[in-house]
């Protein structure tokens, strides 16, 4: 909700025709030069010229929208104070200067108004409203502005003008058609503390006051440049500032231009043109350690690992020889040139990657054998190829064995060959003595599933 103060000035000419007769007071009789006797019935018919200066507190009823965009409709309420400067004339005497006789008026409101309409058409020359002669704009001969009463505190000015004050209240709605123009419709009520004078009545102070009702159509123009000036706040959604700040591009640095800002980029030097994941790492679909943008074999099967620098794997042995190789593999025999005939296997608990005390003792024995035969290498074989989670678990277990051999056993990393993802017992890592060549380090196939 927004608030503002509005200063205003209005000038109006107000006409009124009552349908109820009233008894003239002594003050009213004096104002007509005795032509209207005290207690005689008269029918108020008046014309009021009114200057109004007001100060109103405007309250916008629009709530702040959580969405981006400025409002196009503004509902508001107002409450304020007005200062009035006006003069009132009443048509109480006919063309001959005698008081109208309305003692026998009967019927409904419309019947009474129709009955007196023709009578009141005769023009009256007077000094209060000099706008011509012989017409209905010139007939309000009795000045009510200067009437003073012991119970009233009118302030009388020159030529029949006096001052009053009052309260304002109203409702309105405005429609925005652009940054510079909006159209409003407003209903405003003014409660004037005048004891009925501006309504053509002369009554006691405690009896009644005048209510001025006005319906206004407002054409509002916002002056100035939109680049240097802000629209009235009820046309501005303050959330726009937040949205605009969030929408600013290139606020956060991205050194490698991969679309992931440096503060979240886990690979801040990604080669140009390489697609990345949400963490800024080069995509490696097959997990062979060669990013897709340089991989000549993007979908290398797991059993074709390890791969060369271009991401191309080695095709596995044909089925005709696989059974023979498997039997040799199961024997765990050492190749020629290696003095170790066999090495033990390490077992893990279900889904675990930590070495048990029993597994550590087994590895300590393997370390003793490897230290006694420095020409021998050890091939670590992990199993589990059914899915991505099994492949990553196989890699984690092989990596745990390798770390123990290097860090605790002192085995040189170059003497270890790292393999994983074979078909077999997924809870076992075999240690095979060998003299063949192979990678000692293989990147994790699915780092997001990594446990170690």
Protein backbone atom coordinates (compact mmCIF):
# COMPACT_ATOMS: atom_id res chain seq x y z
CA UNK A 1 0.00 0.00 0.00
CA UNK A 2 1.26 3.49 -0.90
CA UNK A 3 0.27 6.91 0.48
CA UNK A 4 0.59 10.42 -0.89
CA UNK A 5 -0.73 13.91 -0.22
CA UNK A 6 -2.65 15.64 -3.02
CA UNK A 7 -3.37 19.36 -3.17
CA UNK A 8 -6.38 20.37 -5.22
CA UNK A 9 -8.50 23.32 -6.30
CA UNK A 10 -12.06 23.14 -7.62
CA UNK A 11 -14.57 25.76 -8.73
CA UNK A 12 -18.24 24.84 -9.10
CA UNK A 13 -21.64 26.42 -9.59
CA UNK A 14 -24.31 24.41 -7.79
CA UNK A 15 -28.08 24.66 -8.21
CA UNK A 16 -30.73 23.15 -5.97
CA UNK A 17 -34.50 22.91 -5.82
CA UNK A 18 -36.08 21.53 -2.66
CA UNK A 19 -39.56 19.96 -2.63
CA UNK A 20 -40.25 20.52 1.09
CA UNK A 21 -41.49 23.86 2.37
CA UNK A 22 -39.85 25.34 5.46
CA UNK A 23 -40.67 28.15 7.90
CA UNK A 24 -38.65 31.33 7.43
CA UNK A 25 -36.49 32.49 10.31
CA UNK A 26 -36.19 36.11 11.46
CA UNK A 27 -32.77 36.32 9.79
CA UNK A 28 -34.22 35.11 6.48
CA UNK A 29 -37.10 37.59 6.76
CA UNK A 30 -34.59 40.39 7.33
CA UNK A 31 -32.58 39.29 4.30
CA UNK A 32 -35.70 39.70 2.09
CA UNK A 33 -36.48 43.13 3.49
CA UNK A 34 -39.51 41.76 5.34
CA UNK A 35 -41.14 40.48 2.14
CA UNK A 36 -40.90 36.95 3.56
CA UNK A 37 -42.46 37.05 7.00
CA UNK A 38 -41.05 35.16 9.94
CA UNK A 39 -42.72 31.74 10.10
CA UNK A 40 -44.02 32.02 6.52
CA UNK A 41 -43.51 28.93 4.35
CA UNK A 42 -40.90 29.12 1.63
CA UNK A 43 -39.41 26.61 -0.83
CA UNK A 44 -35.59 26.69 -0.95
CA UNK A 45 -34.31 27.25 -4.49
CA UNK A 46 -30.65 28.25 -4.53
CA UNK A 47 -27.51 28.85 -6.56
CA UNK A 48 -24.06 28.54 -4.95
CA UNK A 49 -20.74 29.65 -6.38
CA UNK A 50 -17.99 27.69 -4.62
CA UNK A 51 -14.21 27.79 -4.59
CA UNK A 52 -12.70 24.74 -2.90
CA UNK A 53 -9.06 24.23 -1.85
CA UNK A 54 -8.31 20.75 -0.51
CA UNK A 55 -5.52 18.57 0.80
CA UNK A 56 -6.23 14.83 0.61
CA UNK A 57 -4.36 11.76 1.83
CA UNK A 58 -4.51 9.17 -0.98
CA UNK A 59 -4.05 5.50 -0.07
CA UNK A 60 -3.42 3.07 -2.93
CA UNK A 61 -5.22 -0.23 -2.25
CA UNK A 62 -3.04 -2.23 -4.63
CA UNK A 63 -1.01 -5.01 -3.01
CA UNK A 64 2.55 -5.66 -4.14
CA UNK A 65 2.58 -8.33 -6.83
CA UNK A 66 5.13 -11.17 -6.43
CA UNK A 67 5.32 -11.41 -10.20
CA UNK A 68 7.35 -9.37 -12.63
CA UNK A 69 5.52 -6.48 -14.21
CA UNK A 70 3.85 -3.19 -13.26
CA UNK A 71 0.15 -2.90 -12.32
CA UNK A 72 -2.26 -1.45 -14.88
CA UNK A 73 -5.16 -0.69 -12.52
CA UNK A 74 -4.97 1.22 -9.22
CA UNK A 75 -7.80 1.33 -6.68
CA UNK A 76 -7.47 4.02 -4.06
CA UNK A 77 -9.29 5.74 -1.19
CA UNK A 78 -8.95 9.34 0.01
CA UNK A 79 -9.52 11.31 3.19
CA UNK A 80 -8.79 15.00 3.63
CA UNK A 81 -9.68 18.56 4.54
CA UNK A 82 -11.13 21.37 2.42
CA UNK A 83 -11.38 25.15 2.74
CA UNK A 84 -14.37 26.74 0.99
CA UNK A 85 -14.95 30.29 -0.23
CA UNK A 86 -18.48 30.72 -1.57
CA UNK A 87 -21.59 32.80 -1.99
CA UNK A 88 -25.22 31.69 -2.00
CA UNK A 89 -28.29 33.27 -3.53
CA UNK A 90 -31.89 32.06 -3.06
CA UNK A 91 -34.92 32.62 -5.32
CA UNK A 92 -37.53 33.64 -2.74
CA UNK A 93 -39.26 36.67 -4.38
CA UNK A 94 -41.20 36.87 -7.61
CA UNK A 95 -40.83 39.45 -10.38
CA UNK A 96 -42.98 41.93 -8.37
CA UNK A 97 -40.74 41.62 -5.33
CA UNK A 98 -43.26 39.66 -3.29
CA UNK A 99 -42.61 36.30 -1.63
CA UNK A 100 -43.81 33.24 -3.49
CA UNK A 101 -46.80 31.55 -1.89
CA UNK A 102 -46.16 27.82 -1.59
CA UNK A 103 -48.52 27.08 1.28
CA UNK A 104 -50.80 24.79 -0.75
CA UNK A 105 -48.19 22.50 -2.36
CA UNK A 106 -49.21 18.83 -2.21
CA UNK A 107 -48.31 15.64 -3.97
CA UNK A 108 -45.20 13.63 -4.61
CA UNK A 109 -41.70 15.06 -4.94
CA UNK A 110 -41.89 15.12 -8.75
CA UNK A 111 -45.40 16.63 -8.70
CA UNK A 112 -44.27 19.48 -6.45
CA UNK A 113 -41.19 20.22 -8.58
CA UNK A 114 -43.27 20.29 -11.76
CA UNK A 115 -45.82 22.62 -10.12
CA UNK A 116 -43.24 25.26 -9.15
CA UNK A 117 -41.06 24.92 -12.26
CA UNK A 118 -42.97 27.44 -14.37
CA UNK A 119 -43.38 29.89 -11.47
CA UNK A 120 -39.64 30.06 -10.86
CA UNK A 121 -38.74 30.65 -14.51
CA UNK A 122 -39.35 34.40 -14.28
CA UNK A 123 -36.10 36.34 -14.20
CA UNK A 124 -35.16 38.52 -11.26
CA UNK A 125 -32.63 41.36 -11.44
CA UNK A 126 -30.34 41.45 -8.40
CA UNK A 127 -26.89 42.52 -7.29
CA UNK A 128 -25.58 39.13 -6.13
CA UNK A 129 -25.42 37.24 -9.44
CA UNK A 130 -25.25 39.69 -12.35
CA UNK A 131 -25.24 37.44 -15.39
CA UNK A 132 -28.02 39.08 -17.41
CA UNK A 133 -31.67 39.97 -17.09
CA UNK A 134 -34.88 38.11 -17.71
CA UNK A 135 -33.47 34.57 -17.53
CA UNK A 136 -33.20 31.82 -14.95
CA UNK A 137 -29.48 32.56 -14.33
CA UNK A 138 -30.40 35.96 -12.94
CA UNK A 139 -33.17 35.28 -10.46
CA UNK A 140 -31.37 34.48 -7.15
CA UNK A 141 -32.07 37.82 -5.50
CA UNK A 142 -31.70 36.99 -1.77
CA UNK A 143 -28.14 36.86 -0.44
CA UNK A 144 -27.81 34.04 2.14
CA UNK A 145 -24.04 34.36 2.57
CA UNK A 146 -24.25 37.42 4.82
CA UNK A 147 -26.93 36.05 7.19
CA UNK A 148 -25.54 35.77 10.69
CA UNK A 149 -27.10 34.05 13.65
CA UNK A 150 -26.19 34.13 17.32
CA UNK A 151 -25.62 30.39 17.28
CA UNK A 152 -23.52 30.43 14.10
CA UNK A 153 -19.93 31.52 13.41
CA UNK A 154 -20.05 32.43 9.69
CA UNK A 155 -17.14 34.54 8.44
CA UNK A 156 -18.58 37.03 5.96
CA UNK A 157 -16.43 38.37 3.10
CA UNK A 158 -16.96 40.97 0.45
CA UNK A 159 -19.92 40.99 -1.95
CA UNK A 160 -21.67 38.13 -0.24
CA UNK A 161 -18.69 35.70 -0.07
CA UNK A 162 -17.93 33.75 3.09
CA UNK A 163 -15.54 31.02 4.21
CA UNK A 164 -16.23 27.51 5.52
CA UNK A 165 -14.29 24.32 6.07
CA UNK A 166 -15.07 20.61 5.87
CA UNK A 167 -13.89 17.00 5.56
CA UNK A 168 -13.41 14.94 2.39
CA UNK A 169 -13.73 11.22 1.68
CA UNK A 170 -13.93 9.21 -1.51
CA UNK A 171 -12.97 6.24 -3.67
CA UNK A 172 -11.42 6.05 -7.11
CA UNK A 173 -9.90 3.79 -9.74
CA UNK A 174 -7.23 4.69 -12.30
CA UNK A 175 -6.18 2.87 -15.48
CA UNK A 176 -2.61 3.06 -16.76
CA UNK A 177 -2.21 3.46 -20.54
CA UNK A 178 1.53 4.08 -20.54
CA UNK A 179 4.39 5.64 -18.62
CA UNK A 180 3.03 9.15 -19.20
CA UNK A 181 -0.76 8.84 -19.19
CA UNK A 182 -3.47 7.32 -17.01
CA UNK A 183 -7.23 7.85 -16.74
CA UNK A 184 -9.10 7.89 -13.44
CA UNK A 185 -12.72 7.87 -12.24
CA UNK A 186 -13.32 9.21 -8.73
CA UNK A 187 -16.32 9.73 -6.46
CA UNK A 188 -15.63 12.38 -3.79
CA UNK A 189 -17.81 13.57 -0.92
CA UNK A 190 -17.30 16.79 1.04
CA UNK A 191 -18.93 17.30 4.43
CA UNK A 192 -19.14 21.12 4.83
CA UNK A 193 -19.59 22.64 8.27
CA UNK A 194 -21.91 25.43 7.06
CA UNK A 195 -25.22 24.76 8.91
CA UNK A 196 -26.91 24.22 5.56
CA UNK A 197 -26.15 27.68 4.12
CA UNK A 198 -24.57 26.35 0.90
CA UNK A 199 -27.74 24.25 0.38
CA UNK A 200 -29.96 27.33 0.51
CA UNK A 201 -31.13 26.75 4.10
CA UNK A 202 -31.04 29.02 7.13
CA UNK A 203 -31.25 26.72 10.14
CA UNK A 204 -29.80 26.43 13.63
CA UNK A 205 -26.17 25.36 13.92
CA UNK A 206 -26.92 21.91 15.33
CA UNK A 207 -29.50 20.95 12.72
CA UNK A 208 -27.66 20.06 9.48
CA UNK A 209 -24.62 20.62 7.29
CA UNK A 210 -24.15 20.43 3.55
CA UNK A 211 -22.78 17.32 1.78
CA UNK A 212 -21.15 18.07 -1.57
CA UNK A 213 -20.95 15.03 -3.89
CA UNK A 214 -18.93 15.10 -7.08
CA UNK A 215 -18.06 12.48 -9.68
CA UNK A 216 -14.82 13.23 -11.49
CA UNK A 217 -13.04 11.89 -14.55
CA UNK A 218 -9.33 12.56 -14.14
CA UNK A 219 -6.82 12.79 -17.00
CA UNK A 220 -3.35 12.44 -15.49
CA UNK A 221 -0.11 13.18 -17.33
CA UNK A 222 3.30 12.29 -15.87
CA UNK A 223 5.84 14.86 -17.02
CA UNK A 224 9.56 14.28 -17.47
CA UNK A 225 11.80 11.63 -19.03
CA UNK A 226 11.32 8.02 -17.94
CA UNK A 227 15.13 7.59 -17.98
CA UNK A 228 15.52 10.26 -15.29
CA UNK A 229 12.19 10.20 -13.48
CA UNK A 230 10.22 7.46 -11.79
CA UNK A 231 6.49 6.97 -12.26
CA UNK A 232 4.23 7.36 -9.19
CA UNK A 233 5.01 4.41 -6.94
CA UNK A 234 1.55 2.84 -7.22
CA UNK A 235 2.38 2.18 -10.89
CA UNK A 236 5.72 0.53 -10.04
CA UNK A 237 6.19 -3.02 -8.73
CA UNK A 238 9.18 -2.85 -6.33
CA UNK A 239 9.92 -6.52 -7.06
CA UNK A 240 11.00 -5.44 -10.56
CA UNK A 241 14.34 -4.27 -9.16
CA UNK A 242 15.06 -7.76 -7.83
CA UNK A 243 14.01 -9.44 -11.08
CA UNK A 244 16.06 -7.03 -13.18
CA UNK A 245 19.14 -7.61 -11.05
CA UNK A 246 18.75 -11.38 -11.36
CA UNK A 247 18.32 -11.05 -15.12
CA UNK A 248 21.61 -9.17 -15.66
CA UNK A 249 23.96 -11.27 -17.76
CA UNK A 250 27.69 -11.85 -17.19
CA UNK A 251 27.56 -10.65 -13.61
CA UNK A 252 29.42 -13.77 -12.41
CA UNK A 253 32.72 -14.67 -14.16
CA UNK A 254 33.03 -17.77 -16.34
CA UNK A 255 36.66 -17.95 -17.41
CA UNK A 256 36.36 -21.00 -19.71
CA UNK A 257 33.00 -19.94 -21.16
CA UNK A 258 31.34 -23.31 -20.57
CA UNK A 259 28.19 -21.76 -19.06
CA UNK A 260 29.04 -22.69 -15.44
CA UNK A 261 30.30 -19.77 -13.32
CA UNK A 262 33.76 -20.09 -11.83
CA UNK A 263 32.52 -20.37 -8.26
CA UNK A 264 30.65 -23.59 -9.14
CA UNK A 265 32.98 -24.88 -11.88
CA UNK A 266 34.89 -28.03 -10.82
CA UNK A 267 36.89 -27.88 -14.06
CA UNK A 268 37.71 -24.18 -14.58
CA UNK A 269 39.87 -24.77 -17.70
CA UNK A 270 37.52 -26.82 -19.87
CA UNK A 271 38.73 -26.78 -23.52
CA UNK A 272 36.62 -24.60 -25.80
CA UNK A 273 33.72 -26.42 -27.43
CA UNK A 274 33.61 -29.31 -24.95
CA UNK A 275 30.13 -30.00 -23.53
CA UNK A 276 30.05 -30.05 -19.72
CA UNK A 277 27.81 -31.32 -16.94
CA UNK A 278 26.15 -29.12 -14.30
CA UNK A 279 29.42 -28.94 -12.36
CA UNK A 280 31.40 -27.67 -15.35
CA UNK A 281 33.25 -30.96 -15.97
CA UNK A 282 33.78 -32.22 -19.51
CA UNK A 283 31.26 -34.88 -20.41
CA UNK A 284 32.71 -38.38 -20.59
CA UNK A 285 29.80 -40.57 -21.60
CA UNK A 286 31.59 -43.91 -21.45
CA UNK A 287 33.76 -43.05 -18.42
CA UNK A 288 37.02 -43.95 -20.13
CA UNK A 289 38.81 -40.80 -18.96
CA UNK A 290 38.80 -39.13 -22.38
CA UNK A 291 36.25 -36.28 -22.72
CA UNK A 292 33.63 -36.66 -25.43
CA UNK A 293 35.01 -33.71 -27.40
CA UNK A 294 38.28 -35.66 -27.96
CA UNK A 295 36.95 -39.22 -27.77
CA UNK A 296 37.01 -41.01 -31.11
CA UNK A 297 35.00 -43.85 -29.55
CA UNK A 298 32.40 -42.07 -27.40
CA UNK A 299 30.66 -45.26 -26.26
CA UNK A 300 33.53 -47.60 -25.52
CA UNK A 301 32.22 -50.77 -23.78
CA UNK A 302 33.48 -51.29 -20.26
CA UNK A 303 35.11 -54.59 -21.18
CA UNK A 304 37.19 -52.79 -23.86
CA UNK A 305 39.02 -50.75 -21.23
CA UNK A 306 41.71 -49.46 -20.90
CA UNK A 307 41.65 -47.05 -23.85
CA UNK A 308 44.33 -45.14 -25.71
CA UNK A 309 44.77 -41.34 -25.78
CA UNK A 310 41.99 -41.05 -28.38
CA UNK A 311 39.51 -42.96 -26.22
CA UNK A 312 39.63 -46.10 -28.37
CA UNK A 313 39.47 -49.36 -26.39
CA UNK A 314 40.85 -52.80 -27.03
CA UNK A 315 38.40 -55.33 -28.40
CA UNK A 316 38.13 -58.32 -26.07
CA UNK A 317 39.41 -61.77 -26.97
CA UNK A 318 37.14 -63.71 -29.37
CA UNK A 319 34.80 -66.25 -27.81
CA UNK A 320 36.77 -69.14 -29.30
CA UNK A 321 39.72 -68.35 -27.03
CA UNK A 322 37.92 -66.84 -24.07
CA UNK A 323 37.29 -70.16 -22.26
CA UNK A 324 40.97 -71.07 -22.44
CA UNK A 325 42.04 -67.63 -21.20
CA UNK A 326 39.50 -67.79 -18.38
CA UNK A 327 40.86 -71.12 -17.24
CA UNK A 328 44.37 -69.71 -17.26
CA UNK A 329 43.11 -66.63 -15.45
CA UNK A 330 41.52 -68.75 -12.74
CA UNK A 331 44.77 -70.56 -12.16
CA UNK A 332 46.36 -67.22 -11.33
CA UNK A 333 49.68 -68.52 -12.62
CA UNK A 334 52.54 -66.11 -12.95
CA UNK A 335 53.84 -65.48 -16.47
CA UNK A 336 57.38 -66.29 -17.42
CA UNK A 337 59.94 -64.04 -15.80
CA UNK A 338 57.98 -63.57 -12.56
CA UNK A 339 58.92 -65.61 -9.52
CA UNK A 340 55.51 -65.38 -7.86
CA UNK A 341 53.18 -68.23 -8.69
CA UNK A 342 49.98 -66.76 -7.25
CA UNK A 343 48.64 -63.97 -5.07
CA UNK A 344 45.62 -63.95 -2.71
CA UNK A 345 42.23 -62.33 -3.30
CA UNK A 346 40.59 -59.62 -1.13
CA UNK A 347 36.95 -59.87 -0.09
CA UNK A 348 34.58 -56.97 0.78
CA UNK A 349 31.34 -56.88 2.67
CA UNK A 350 28.17 -56.20 0.69
CA UNK A 351 28.20 -52.64 -0.77
CA UNK A 352 31.31 -51.80 1.34
CA UNK A 353 34.56 -50.28 0.11
CA UNK A 354 36.56 -50.36 3.35
CA UNK A 355 39.22 -53.01 3.96
CA UNK A 356 38.64 -55.28 6.92
CA UNK A 357 41.46 -56.27 9.26
CA UNK A 358 41.49 -59.70 7.61
CA UNK A 359 41.82 -58.08 4.17
CA UNK A 360 44.69 -55.93 5.39
CA UNK A 361 46.53 -59.00 6.67
CA UNK A 362 46.01 -60.66 3.29
CA UNK A 363 47.44 -57.61 1.53
CA UNK A 364 50.42 -57.49 3.90
CA UNK A 365 51.27 -61.05 2.82
CA UNK A 366 50.96 -60.01 -0.83
CA UNK A 367 53.27 -57.04 -0.20
CA UNK A 368 55.91 -59.42 1.23
CA UNK A 369 55.74 -61.53 -1.91
CA UNK A 370 56.00 -58.51 -4.22
CA UNK A 371 58.95 -57.09 -2.29
CA UNK A 372 60.73 -60.46 -2.63
CA UNK A 373 60.18 -60.45 -6.43
CA UNK A 374 60.85 -56.89 -7.69
CA UNK A 375 60.47 -58.00 -11.34
CA UNK A 376 56.86 -58.89 -10.80
CA UNK A 377 53.89 -56.54 -11.20
CA UNK A 378 50.46 -57.02 -9.72
CA UNK A 379 47.25 -56.79 -11.72
CA UNK A 380 44.21 -55.78 -9.69
CA UNK A 381 41.01 -57.24 -11.16
CA UNK A 382 37.62 -55.90 -9.97
CA UNK A 383 34.24 -57.36 -10.86
CA UNK A 384 30.79 -55.88 -11.39
CA UNK A 385 29.59 -54.82 -14.84
CA UNK A 386 25.80 -55.06 -14.63
CA UNK A 387 25.08 -51.33 -14.28
CA UNK A 388 26.66 -47.96 -13.55
CA UNK A 389 26.46 -48.37 -9.77
CA UNK A 390 28.10 -51.81 -9.93
CA UNK A 391 30.86 -50.48 -12.22
CA UNK A 392 31.61 -47.59 -9.87
CA UNK A 393 31.62 -49.92 -6.83
CA UNK A 394 34.09 -52.21 -8.63
CA UNK A 395 36.34 -49.19 -9.33
CA UNK A 396 36.09 -48.02 -5.70
CA UNK A 397 37.18 -51.43 -4.35
CA UNK A 398 40.12 -51.76 -6.75
CA UNK A 399 41.14 -48.23 -5.81
CA UNK A 400 41.00 -49.11 -2.08
CA UNK A 401 43.35 -52.10 -2.64
CA UNK A 402 45.70 -50.02 -4.77
CA UNK A 403 45.84 -47.25 -2.15
CA UNK A 404 46.75 -49.75 0.58
CA UNK A 405 49.53 -51.35 -1.53
CA UNK A 406 51.04 -47.95 -2.34
CA UNK A 407 50.54 -46.09 0.94
CA UNK A 408 50.93 -48.91 3.47
CA UNK A 409 52.90 -51.52 1.55
CA UNK A 410 55.27 -49.17 -0.26
CA UNK A 411 54.67 -50.82 -3.65
CA UNK A 412 55.56 -48.44 -6.50
CA UNK A 413 52.47 -47.29 -8.40
CA UNK A 414 54.16 -48.28 -11.68
CA UNK A 415 54.08 -51.96 -10.60
CA UNK A 416 50.28 -51.93 -10.31
CA UNK A 417 47.85 -52.48 -13.21
CA UNK A 418 44.32 -51.09 -12.52
CA UNK A 419 41.35 -52.97 -14.05
CA UNK A 420 37.69 -53.23 -13.04
CA UNK A 421 34.19 -53.96 -14.29
CA UNK A 422 34.66 -57.62 -15.28
CA UNK A 423 31.99 -60.27 -14.97
CA UNK A 424 32.46 -62.22 -11.77
CA UNK A 425 32.10 -62.05 -7.98
CA UNK A 426 31.42 -58.33 -7.36
CA UNK A 427 32.60 -58.60 -3.72
CA UNK A 428 36.08 -59.82 -4.69
CA UNK A 429 39.23 -58.12 -5.99
CA UNK A 430 41.82 -60.58 -7.37
CA UNK A 431 45.57 -59.90 -7.24
CA UNK A 432 47.38 -61.51 -10.18
CA UNK A 433 51.19 -61.58 -10.60
CA UNK A 434 52.19 -60.38 -14.07
CA UNK A 435 54.91 -58.75 -16.19
CA UNK A 436 52.50 -57.22 -18.71
CA UNK A 437 51.96 -53.50 -19.19
CA UNK A 438 48.83 -51.64 -18.23
CA UNK A 439 47.50 -48.40 -16.73
CA UNK A 440 48.15 -47.81 -13.05
CA UNK A 441 45.43 -45.15 -12.88
CA UNK A 442 41.95 -45.22 -14.45
CA UNK A 443 39.42 -42.39 -13.93
CA UNK A 444 36.25 -43.18 -12.04
CA UNK A 445 33.52 -44.16 -14.56
CA UNK A 446 30.68 -42.49 -12.66
CA UNK A 447 32.05 -39.95 -10.14
CA UNK A 448 28.60 -38.97 -8.94
CA UNK A 449 28.20 -42.51 -7.53
CA UNK A 450 31.67 -42.64 -6.01
CA UNK A 451 31.94 -43.83 -2.40
CA UNK A 452 35.64 -43.26 -1.72
